[in-house]
C-alpha cells in the first residue's frame, strides 16, 4: 500500500513540475491557438489575451512596429481588423510581455 501511495505521489509531482515548466507561450510563439505576431487591438474588457507588462522574466518580448508584423513578437497596434485583441491587466495575466527595441520573440 505504501509503494502505491509513493508511486501516486511521484506521478503527481512530475505532472506538477511539467505544468510549471511549460510557459504560457510555447517555443513557436503561440499562446493557445493564437500566434503572437500581427495586428493587435487594445481593448478594455474581454480581450483574447490578458497581458501584463513586465521588465524581467517575460513570456515573450514584443517590439511595436508600424508595418509588416510578420515575426513572432512583432505587434502592430491597430484600431480595426486585428488578428487578436489584448487587455492590459495588473494581476492574473495570461501572458507577461516585455517591450523591447530589438530582438523580439520568445526568450
C-alpha atoms as a PDB file:
ATOM      1  CA  UNK A   1       0.000   0.000   0.000  1.00  0.00           C
ATOM      2  CA  UNK A   2       2.838   2.376   0.837  1.00  0.00           C
ATOM      3  CA  UNK A   3       4.508   1.699  -2.546  1.00  0.00           C
ATOM      4  CA  UNK A   4       1.299   2.565  -4.399  1.00  0.00           C
ATOM      5  CA  UNK A   5       0.972   5.775  -2.406  1.00  0.00           C
ATOM      6  CA  UNK A   6       4.586   6.733  -3.143  1.00  0.00           C
ATOM      7  CA  UNK A   7       4.111   5.963  -6.844  1.00  0.00           C
ATOM      8  CA  UNK A   8       0.984   8.131  -6.989  1.00  0.00           C
ATOM      9  CA  UNK A   9       2.808  10.974  -5.233  1.00  0.00           C
ATOM     10  CA  UNK A  10       5.738  10.714  -7.669  1.00  0.00           C
ATOM     11  CA  UNK A  11       3.393  10.854 -10.667  1.00  0.00           C
ATOM     12  CA  UNK A  12       1.574  13.879  -9.245  1.00  0.00           C
ATOM     13  CA  UNK A  13       4.901  15.604  -8.580  1.00  0.00           C
ATOM     14  CA  UNK A  14       6.045  15.037 -12.170  1.00  0.00           C
ATOM     15  CA  UNK A  15       2.748  16.333 -13.555  1.00  0.00           C
ATOM     16  CA  UNK A  16       3.017  19.456 -11.401  1.00  0.00           C
ATOM     17  CA  UNK A  17       6.627  20.024 -12.470  1.00  0.00           C
ATOM     18  CA  UNK A  18       5.586  19.752 -16.129  1.00  0.00           C
ATOM     19  CA  UNK A  19       2.825  22.301 -15.622  1.00  0.00           C
ATOM     20  CA  UNK A  20       5.236  24.805 -14.085  1.00  0.00           C
ATOM     21  CA  UNK A  21       7.987  24.125 -16.620  1.00  0.00           C
ATOM     22  CA  UNK A  22       5.830  24.871 -19.627  1.00  0.00           C
ATOM     23  CA  UNK A  23       5.352  28.597 -20.028  1.00  0.00           C
ATOM     24  CA  UNK A  24       2.236  30.341 -21.205  1.00  0.00           C
ATOM     25  CA  UNK A  25       3.841  30.842 -24.635  1.00  0.00           C
ATOM     26  CA  UNK A  26       5.219  27.814 -26.451  1.00  0.00           C
ATOM     27  CA  UNK A  27       8.571  27.800 -28.250  1.00  0.00           C
ATOM     28  CA  UNK A  28       6.853  28.542 -31.582  1.00  0.00           C
ATOM     29  CA  UNK A  29       5.333  31.765 -30.219  1.00  0.00           C
ATOM     30  CA  UNK A  30       1.753  30.629 -29.690  1.00  0.00           C
ATOM     31  CA  UNK A  31      -0.499  31.250 -26.734  1.00  0.00           C
ATOM     32  CA  UNK A  32      -3.211  28.605 -27.008  1.00  0.00           C
ATOM     33  CA  UNK A  33      -4.061  28.850 -30.743  1.00  0.00           C
ATOM     34  CA  UNK A  34      -3.051  32.498 -31.165  1.00  0.00           C
ATOM     35  CA  UNK A  35       0.221  33.248 -32.954  1.00  0.00           C
ATOM     36  CA  UNK A  36       1.747  36.196 -31.106  1.00  0.00           C
ATOM     37  CA  UNK A  37       2.540  38.207 -34.203  1.00  0.00           C
ATOM     38  CA  UNK A  38       0.453  40.538 -36.282  1.00  0.00           C
ATOM     39  CA  UNK A  39      -2.077  43.284 -35.841  1.00  0.00           C
ATOM     40  CA  UNK A  40      -3.219  43.851 -32.266  1.00  0.00           C
ATOM     41  CA  UNK A  41      -6.075  45.894 -30.850  1.00  0.00           C
ATOM     42  CA  UNK A  42      -6.076  47.019 -27.216  1.00  0.00           C
ATOM     43  CA  UNK A  43      -9.465  46.616 -25.547  1.00  0.00           C
ATOM     44  CA  UNK A  44     -10.743  47.496 -22.086  1.00  0.00           C
ATOM     45  CA  UNK A  45     -12.531  44.185 -21.489  1.00  0.00           C
ATOM     46  CA  UNK A  46     -12.955  40.696 -22.939  1.00  0.00           C
ATOM     47  CA  UNK A  47      -9.668  40.650 -24.842  1.00  0.00           C
ATOM     48  CA  UNK A  48      -8.430  37.439 -26.401  1.00  0.00           C
ATOM     49  CA  UNK A  49      -5.374  37.617 -24.128  1.00  0.00           C
ATOM     50  CA  UNK A  50      -4.838  39.304 -20.752  1.00  0.00           C
ATOM     51  CA  UNK A  51      -1.367  40.881 -20.822  1.00  0.00           C
ATOM     52  CA  UNK A  52       0.831  42.148 -18.014  1.00  0.00           C
ATOM     53  CA  UNK A  53       3.803  44.354 -18.912  1.00  0.00           C
ATOM     54  CA  UNK A  54       6.979  43.382 -17.035  1.00  0.00           C
ATOM     55  CA  UNK A  55      10.634  44.422 -17.101  1.00  0.00           C
ATOM     56  CA  UNK A  56      12.055  40.975 -16.356  1.00  0.00           C
ATOM     57  CA  UNK A  57      11.217  37.325 -16.983  1.00  0.00           C
ATOM     58  CA  UNK A  58       8.641  37.798 -19.767  1.00  0.00           C
ATOM     59  CA  UNK A  59       6.861  35.012 -21.604  1.00  0.00           C
ATOM     60  CA  UNK A  60       7.548  36.942 -24.830  1.00  0.00           C
ATOM     61  CA  UNK A  61       9.479  40.043 -25.854  1.00  0.00           C
ATOM     62  CA  UNK A  62       7.427  42.410 -28.030  1.00  0.00           C
ATOM     63  CA  UNK A  63       8.557  45.043 -30.500  1.00  0.00           C
ATOM     64  CA  UNK A  64       5.975  47.554 -31.703  1.00  0.00           C
ATOM     65  CA  UNK A  65       6.204  48.013 -35.483  1.00  0.00           C
ATOM     66  CA  UNK A  66       4.335  50.246 -37.915  1.00  0.00           C
ATOM     67  CA  UNK A  67       4.146  47.751 -40.780  1.00  0.00           C
ATOM     68  CA  UNK A  68       4.670  44.081 -41.647  1.00  0.00           C
ATOM     69  CA  UNK A  69       4.324  42.437 -38.203  1.00  0.00           C
ATOM     70  CA  UNK A  70       5.321  39.048 -39.597  1.00  0.00           C
ATOM     71  CA  UNK A  71       7.682  37.639 -36.956  1.00  0.00           C
ATOM     72  CA  UNK A  72       6.685  36.353 -33.541  1.00  0.00           C
ATOM     73  CA  UNK A  73       6.872  39.232 -31.076  1.00  0.00           C
ATOM     74  CA  UNK A  74       6.285  41.937 -33.682  1.00  0.00           C
ATOM     75  CA  UNK A  75       2.988  43.685 -32.990  1.00  0.00           C
ATOM     76  CA  UNK A  76       1.342  46.442 -35.000  1.00  0.00           C
ATOM     77  CA  UNK A  77      -1.248  48.234 -32.882  1.00  0.00           C
ATOM     78  CA  UNK A  78      -4.422  48.954 -34.869  1.00  0.00           C
ATOM     79  CA  UNK A  79      -7.986  50.108 -34.267  1.00  0.00           C
ATOM     80  CA  UNK A  80      -9.679  47.841 -36.811  1.00  0.00           C
ATOM     81  CA  UNK A  81      -9.254  44.369 -38.314  1.00  0.00           C
ATOM     82  CA  UNK A  82      -6.920  42.960 -35.641  1.00  0.00           C
ATOM     83  CA  UNK A  83      -5.505  39.448 -35.681  1.00  0.00           C
ATOM     84  CA  UNK A  84      -6.160  39.318 -31.930  1.00  0.00           C
ATOM     85  CA  UNK A  85      -7.079  41.633 -29.061  1.00  0.00           C
ATOM     86  CA  UNK A  86      -5.323  42.216 -25.757  1.00  0.00           C
ATOM     87  CA  UNK A  87      -6.398  43.602 -22.432  1.00  0.00           C
ATOM     88  CA  UNK A  88      -3.715  45.065 -20.152  1.00  0.00           C
ATOM     89  CA  UNK A  89      -4.001  43.858 -16.546  1.00  0.00           C
ATOM     90  CA  UNK A  90      -2.011  44.337 -13.350  1.00  0.00           C
ATOM     91  CA  UNK A  91      -2.673  40.879 -11.937  1.00  0.00           C
ATOM     92  CA  UNK A  92      -3.542  37.367 -13.109  1.00  0.00           C
ATOM     93  CA  UNK A  93      -2.344  37.719 -16.722  1.00  0.00           C
ATOM     94  CA  UNK A  94      -2.496  35.058 -19.394  1.00  0.00           C
ATOM     95  CA  UNK A  95       0.959  36.141 -20.589  1.00  0.00           C
ATOM     96  CA  UNK A  96       3.690  38.530 -19.476  1.00  0.00           C
ATOM     97  CA  UNK A  97       5.337  40.745 -22.092  1.00  0.00           C
ATOM     98  CA  UNK A  98       8.396  42.951 -22.126  1.00  0.00           C
ATOM     99  CA  UNK A  99       8.513  45.697 -24.736  1.00  0.00           C
ATOM    100  CA  UNK A 100      11.874  45.882 -26.490  1.00  0.00           C
ATOM    101  CA  UNK A 101      13.506  47.832 -29.301  1.00  0.00           C
ATOM    102  CA  UNK A 102      15.342  44.838 -30.753  1.00  0.00           C
ATOM    103  CA  UNK A 103      15.261  41.034 -30.744  1.00  0.00           C
ATOM    104  CA  UNK A 104      11.562  40.349 -30.182  1.00  0.00           C
ATOM    105  CA  UNK A 105      10.241  36.831 -29.712  1.00  0.00           C
ATOM    106  CA  UNK A 106      10.222  34.037 -27.187  1.00  0.00           C
ATOM    107  CA  UNK A 107      13.215  34.372 -24.838  1.00  0.00           C
END
